[in-house]
Amino acid sequence: MTKPTRLTDEELGDLLRETFTERETLADHLPEATKRRNPVPVLLAAAAVLVVLVGVLYGVHRPDRPSQPLTATPAATSQGSDDGRIWAAAVVSIARRVEPADGWQVVQVFGQGQRAETQALKASPAPVVTFSATAKARIEMAVRPLAPVTFDGEDPSCADRRVATVTLGPVVSKTDHKEVHTSIFYDCGRGSILTYRIEQAAGIWKVTGIVGHVIGVAPAGGCPSASPREGC
């Protein structure tokens, strides 16, 4: 950015003198009919405008007045910075809800819509949920005491009874809490679908309840043979 010109008192005087000289020279070269008109009002008006402009420049940019630094506009606060912790709370809660007696072998975590079967058939499909590297790290850290976590697993076969597949919806902000639509499938087609209410207390996000009803899903063909799950 070009710095404004700063004029000293002597330079201001020279500028005024040059202006008056130029106006007088122009008056001397005017046609005879024009010369007979009194040029004084024109010269006075021009001088008055010049004095005002120079005075403003000098007052704002005089050498003894420090320049005002430009104030940078603060960057907007990024939204969803806690999404990873909120999702992690949902995964831990639903994994513990139906954890087998001998624990999970692995917990697969997907975002809503990342796989065709996790995208509801609606006229306006819900947005696809993707996880940032930071969100993945927070989910993995929270779930690690239960089981290893993978974000790119395939659908487990019926032989993989201890593999849980968790799907997470977007973090929805409410007045005093967050909500996350969450589902878990395991044991050859059994599953639960629900929406968690998640709140922050002492800087930690925790599941504090379930919004609405829990939808239980049973295998399409009934309980598979030799299923370790109770009730089959």
Protein backbone atom coordinates (compact mmCIF):
# COMPACT_ATOMS: atom_id res chain seq x y z
CA MET A 1 0.00 0.00 0.00
CA THR A 2 1.43 3.41 -0.99
CA LYS A 3 2.22 5.65 1.97
CA PRO A 4 0.51 9.10 1.99
CA THR A 5 2.69 12.10 1.12
CA ARG A 6 3.77 14.18 4.09
CA LEU A 7 4.42 17.89 3.51
CA THR A 8 6.56 20.19 5.60
CA ASP A 9 5.58 23.80 6.36
CA GLU A 10 7.99 25.08 3.65
CA GLU A 11 6.58 22.68 1.06
CA LEU A 12 3.05 23.81 1.89
CA GLY A 13 4.07 27.45 1.39
CA ASP A 14 5.72 26.68 -1.95
CA LEU A 15 2.62 24.80 -3.10
CA LEU A 16 0.37 27.74 -2.26
CA ARG A 17 2.67 30.23 -4.00
CA GLU A 18 2.85 28.06 -7.12
CA THR A 19 -0.92 27.77 -7.17
CA PHE A 20 -1.45 31.53 -7.01
CA THR A 21 1.26 32.10 -9.66
CA GLU A 22 -0.39 29.62 -12.01
CA ARG A 23 -3.78 31.28 -11.55
CA GLU A 24 -2.30 34.76 -12.24
CA THR A 25 -0.51 33.49 -15.34
CA LEU A 26 -3.72 31.98 -16.65
CA ALA A 27 -5.51 35.26 -16.04
CA ASP A 28 -2.86 37.15 -18.06
CA HIS A 29 -3.41 34.85 -21.05
CA LEU A 30 -7.19 35.01 -21.05
CA PRO A 31 -8.94 36.64 -24.07
CA GLU A 32 -9.59 40.36 -23.79
CA ALA A 33 -13.30 39.94 -23.10
CA THR A 34 -12.54 37.50 -20.31
CA LYS A 35 -9.76 39.62 -18.77
CA ARG A 36 -12.15 42.42 -18.04
CA ARG A 37 -13.88 40.12 -15.58
CA ASN A 38 -12.50 40.29 -12.08
CA PRO A 39 -10.40 37.11 -11.54
CA VAL A 40 -10.07 37.64 -7.79
CA PRO A 41 -13.16 35.60 -6.77
CA VAL A 42 -11.98 32.63 -8.85
CA LEU A 43 -8.48 32.78 -7.37
CA LEU A 44 -9.81 33.09 -3.84
CA ALA A 45 -12.13 30.11 -4.29
CA ALA A 46 -9.32 27.95 -5.68
CA ALA A 47 -7.00 28.98 -2.88
CA ALA A 48 -9.63 28.21 -0.25
CA VAL A 49 -10.16 24.68 -1.60
CA LEU A 50 -6.43 24.06 -1.75
CA VAL A 51 -5.88 25.30 1.81
CA VAL A 52 -8.58 22.97 3.12
CA LEU A 53 -7.18 19.94 1.31
CA VAL A 54 -3.60 20.62 2.34
CA GLY A 55 -4.67 21.25 5.92
CA VAL A 56 -6.41 17.89 6.07
CA LEU A 57 -3.40 16.08 4.62
CA TYR A 58 -1.02 17.84 6.96
CA GLY A 59 -3.18 17.29 10.04
CA VAL A 60 -3.64 13.57 9.38
CA HIS A 61 -0.21 12.66 8.03
CA ARG A 62 2.12 15.19 9.65
CA PRO A 63 5.51 13.69 10.62
CA ASP A 64 4.99 14.05 14.38
CA ARG A 65 1.79 11.98 14.34
CA PRO A 66 2.26 8.20 14.33
CA SER A 67 0.33 6.28 11.73
CA GLN A 68 -2.58 4.24 13.02
CA PRO A 69 -1.91 0.54 12.46
CA LEU A 70 -4.52 -1.42 10.57
CA THR A 71 -6.58 -3.65 12.81
CA ALA A 72 -6.81 -7.19 11.52
CA THR A 73 -10.26 -8.73 11.47
CA PRO A 74 -10.28 -11.69 13.84
CA ALA A 75 -10.72 -15.02 12.15
CA ALA A 76 -14.10 -16.64 12.61
CA THR A 77 -14.15 -19.31 15.22
CA SER A 78 -14.27 -22.70 13.55
CA GLN A 79 -17.53 -24.53 14.19
CA GLY A 80 -17.65 -28.17 15.22
CA SER A 81 -14.27 -28.20 16.94
CA ASP A 82 -15.69 -30.58 19.58
CA ASP A 83 -17.45 -32.89 17.13
CA GLY A 84 -14.78 -35.57 17.53
CA ARG A 85 -15.28 -35.71 21.30
CA ILE A 86 -19.07 -35.75 20.91
CA TRP A 87 -18.98 -38.59 18.40
CA ALA A 88 -16.53 -40.47 20.64
CA ALA A 89 -18.99 -40.29 23.54
CA ALA A 90 -21.73 -41.73 21.32
CA VAL A 91 -19.56 -44.61 20.07
CA VAL A 92 -18.42 -45.58 23.57
CA SER A 93 -21.97 -45.48 24.92
CA ILE A 94 -23.56 -47.61 22.23
CA ALA A 95 -20.65 -50.08 22.16
CA ARG A 96 -20.99 -50.63 25.91
CA ARG A 97 -24.76 -50.94 25.61
CA VAL A 98 -24.57 -54.27 23.77
CA GLU A 99 -21.01 -55.35 24.52
CA PRO A 100 -20.63 -59.16 24.50
CA ALA A 101 -19.32 -60.92 27.59
CA ASP A 102 -15.95 -61.53 25.98
CA GLY A 103 -15.72 -58.02 24.55
CA TRP A 104 -15.51 -56.64 21.04
CA GLN A 105 -12.87 -57.85 18.64
CA VAL A 106 -13.02 -54.57 16.72
CA VAL A 107 -15.35 -51.59 16.40
CA GLN A 108 -15.90 -50.28 12.88
CA VAL A 109 -16.96 -46.63 12.74
CA PHE A 110 -18.63 -45.02 9.72
CA GLY A 111 -20.19 -41.67 9.03
CA GLN A 112 -23.80 -41.50 7.90
CA GLY A 113 -24.00 -41.97 4.14
CA GLN A 114 -20.42 -43.22 3.70
CA ARG A 115 -21.89 -46.55 2.67
CA ALA A 116 -25.05 -46.98 0.61
CA GLU A 117 -26.79 -49.03 3.29
CA THR A 118 -26.33 -46.27 5.88
CA GLN A 119 -28.09 -43.65 3.74
CA ALA A 120 -31.82 -43.55 4.39
CA LEU A 121 -34.10 -43.71 1.37
CA LYS A 122 -35.65 -40.24 1.44
CA ALA A 123 -36.61 -37.62 -1.11
CA SER A 124 -33.89 -35.41 0.39
CA PRO A 125 -31.12 -37.69 1.69
CA ALA A 126 -29.33 -36.61 4.84
CA PRO A 127 -25.85 -35.13 4.34
CA VAL A 128 -22.90 -37.48 4.28
CA VAL A 129 -20.85 -37.37 7.48
CA THR A 130 -17.08 -37.45 7.16
CA PHE A 131 -14.50 -37.47 9.94
CA SER A 132 -11.45 -35.25 10.05
CA ALA A 133 -8.12 -36.72 11.15
CA THR A 134 -8.56 -35.02 14.53
CA ALA A 135 -12.05 -36.46 14.98
CA LYS A 136 -10.81 -39.95 14.12
CA ALA A 137 -7.99 -39.66 16.66
CA ARG A 138 -10.41 -38.61 19.41
CA ILE A 139 -12.84 -41.43 18.62
CA GLU A 140 -10.02 -43.98 18.56
CA MET A 141 -8.61 -42.75 21.88
CA ALA A 142 -11.99 -42.95 23.61
CA VAL A 143 -12.91 -46.41 22.27
CA ARG A 144 -9.46 -47.97 22.68
CA PRO A 145 -10.16 -49.35 26.20
CA LEU A 146 -13.06 -51.34 24.70
CA ALA A 147 -11.58 -52.46 21.39
CA PRO A 148 -9.44 -51.38 18.44
CA VAL A 149 -11.14 -49.00 16.00
CA THR A 150 -11.18 -49.03 12.21
CA PHE A 151 -12.73 -46.49 9.85
CA ASP A 152 -12.55 -48.46 6.61
CA GLY A 153 -13.75 -51.94 7.49
CA GLU A 154 -16.05 -54.15 5.44
CA ASP A 155 -19.34 -55.61 6.56
CA PRO A 156 -18.50 -58.51 8.87
CA SER A 157 -19.70 -61.99 8.01
CA CYS A 158 -21.90 -64.01 10.35
CA ALA A 159 -18.73 -65.67 11.61
CA ASP A 160 -17.53 -62.34 13.01
CA ARG A 161 -19.86 -62.24 16.01
CA ARG A 162 -17.65 -59.83 17.97
CA VAL A 163 -17.30 -57.14 15.32
CA ALA A 164 -19.44 -54.04 15.91
CA THR A 165 -20.34 -51.63 13.12
CA VAL A 166 -21.27 -48.17 14.42
CA THR A 167 -22.70 -45.44 12.18
CA LEU A 168 -22.83 -41.81 13.31
CA GLY A 169 -24.99 -38.97 12.09
CA PRO A 170 -24.04 -35.28 12.21
CA VAL A 171 -23.73 -33.44 15.51
CA VAL A 172 -26.97 -31.48 15.93
CA SER A 173 -26.83 -28.43 18.21
CA LYS A 174 -29.75 -27.78 20.53
CA THR A 175 -30.25 -25.01 23.07
CA ASP A 176 -28.40 -26.71 25.92
CA HIS A 177 -27.11 -29.97 24.48
CA LYS A 178 -26.07 -31.88 21.35
CA GLU A 179 -27.77 -34.79 19.63
CA VAL A 180 -26.26 -37.56 17.51
CA HIS A 181 -28.21 -40.21 15.63
CA THR A 182 -26.32 -43.45 16.28
CA SER A 183 -26.68 -47.09 15.26
CA ILE A 184 -24.81 -50.30 15.96
CA PHE A 185 -25.01 -53.64 14.16
CA TYR A 186 -23.37 -56.91 15.17
CA ASP A 187 -23.91 -60.66 15.45
CA CYS A 188 -25.08 -61.32 11.91
CA GLY A 189 -27.67 -58.56 11.71
CA ARG A 190 -28.73 -57.67 15.23
CA GLY A 191 -28.69 -53.98 16.01
CA SER A 192 -29.96 -50.88 17.77
CA ILE A 193 -30.82 -47.45 16.36
CA LEU A 194 -31.24 -44.42 18.61
CA THR A 195 -30.47 -40.74 19.12
CA TYR A 196 -28.20 -39.74 21.98
CA ARG A 197 -28.48 -36.59 24.04
CA ILE A 198 -24.95 -35.42 24.83
CA GLU A 199 -23.98 -32.65 27.24
CA GLN A 200 -20.74 -31.06 28.38
CA ALA A 201 -19.84 -31.05 32.07
CA ALA A 202 -16.49 -29.84 33.42
CA GLY A 203 -15.17 -29.75 29.86
CA ILE A 204 -16.09 -33.38 29.13
CA TRP A 205 -18.81 -34.48 26.71
CA LYS A 206 -21.01 -37.24 28.11
CA VAL A 207 -24.14 -39.08 27.00
CA THR A 208 -26.91 -38.03 29.38
CA GLY A 209 -29.91 -39.68 27.79
CA ILE A 210 -31.72 -41.00 24.74
CA VAL A 211 -34.04 -38.84 22.65
CA GLY A 212 -37.16 -40.74 21.61
CA HIS A 213 -37.30 -44.51 21.39
CA VAL A 214 -34.67 -47.16 20.76
CA ILE A 215 -35.31 -49.23 17.65
CA GLY A 216 -34.14 -52.81 18.00
CA VAL A 217 -33.23 -54.76 14.89
CA ALA A 218 -33.23 -58.55 14.68
CA PRO A 219 -31.62 -60.63 11.93
CA ALA A 220 -33.86 -60.82 8.86
CA GLY A 221 -33.92 -64.63 8.95
CA GLY A 222 -34.29 -64.90 12.71
CA CYS A 223 -31.51 -65.86 15.07
CA PRO A 224 -28.61 -67.58 13.31
CA SER A 225 -27.70 -71.05 14.44
CA ALA A 226 -25.26 -71.33 17.33
CA SER A 227 -25.65 -67.62 18.07
CA PRO A 228 -23.91 -66.63 21.31
CA ARG A 229 -26.49 -63.91 21.94
CA GLU A 230 -28.99 -64.40 24.73
CA GLY A 231 -32.48 -65.24 23.50
CA CYS A 232 -31.50 -67.06 20.34
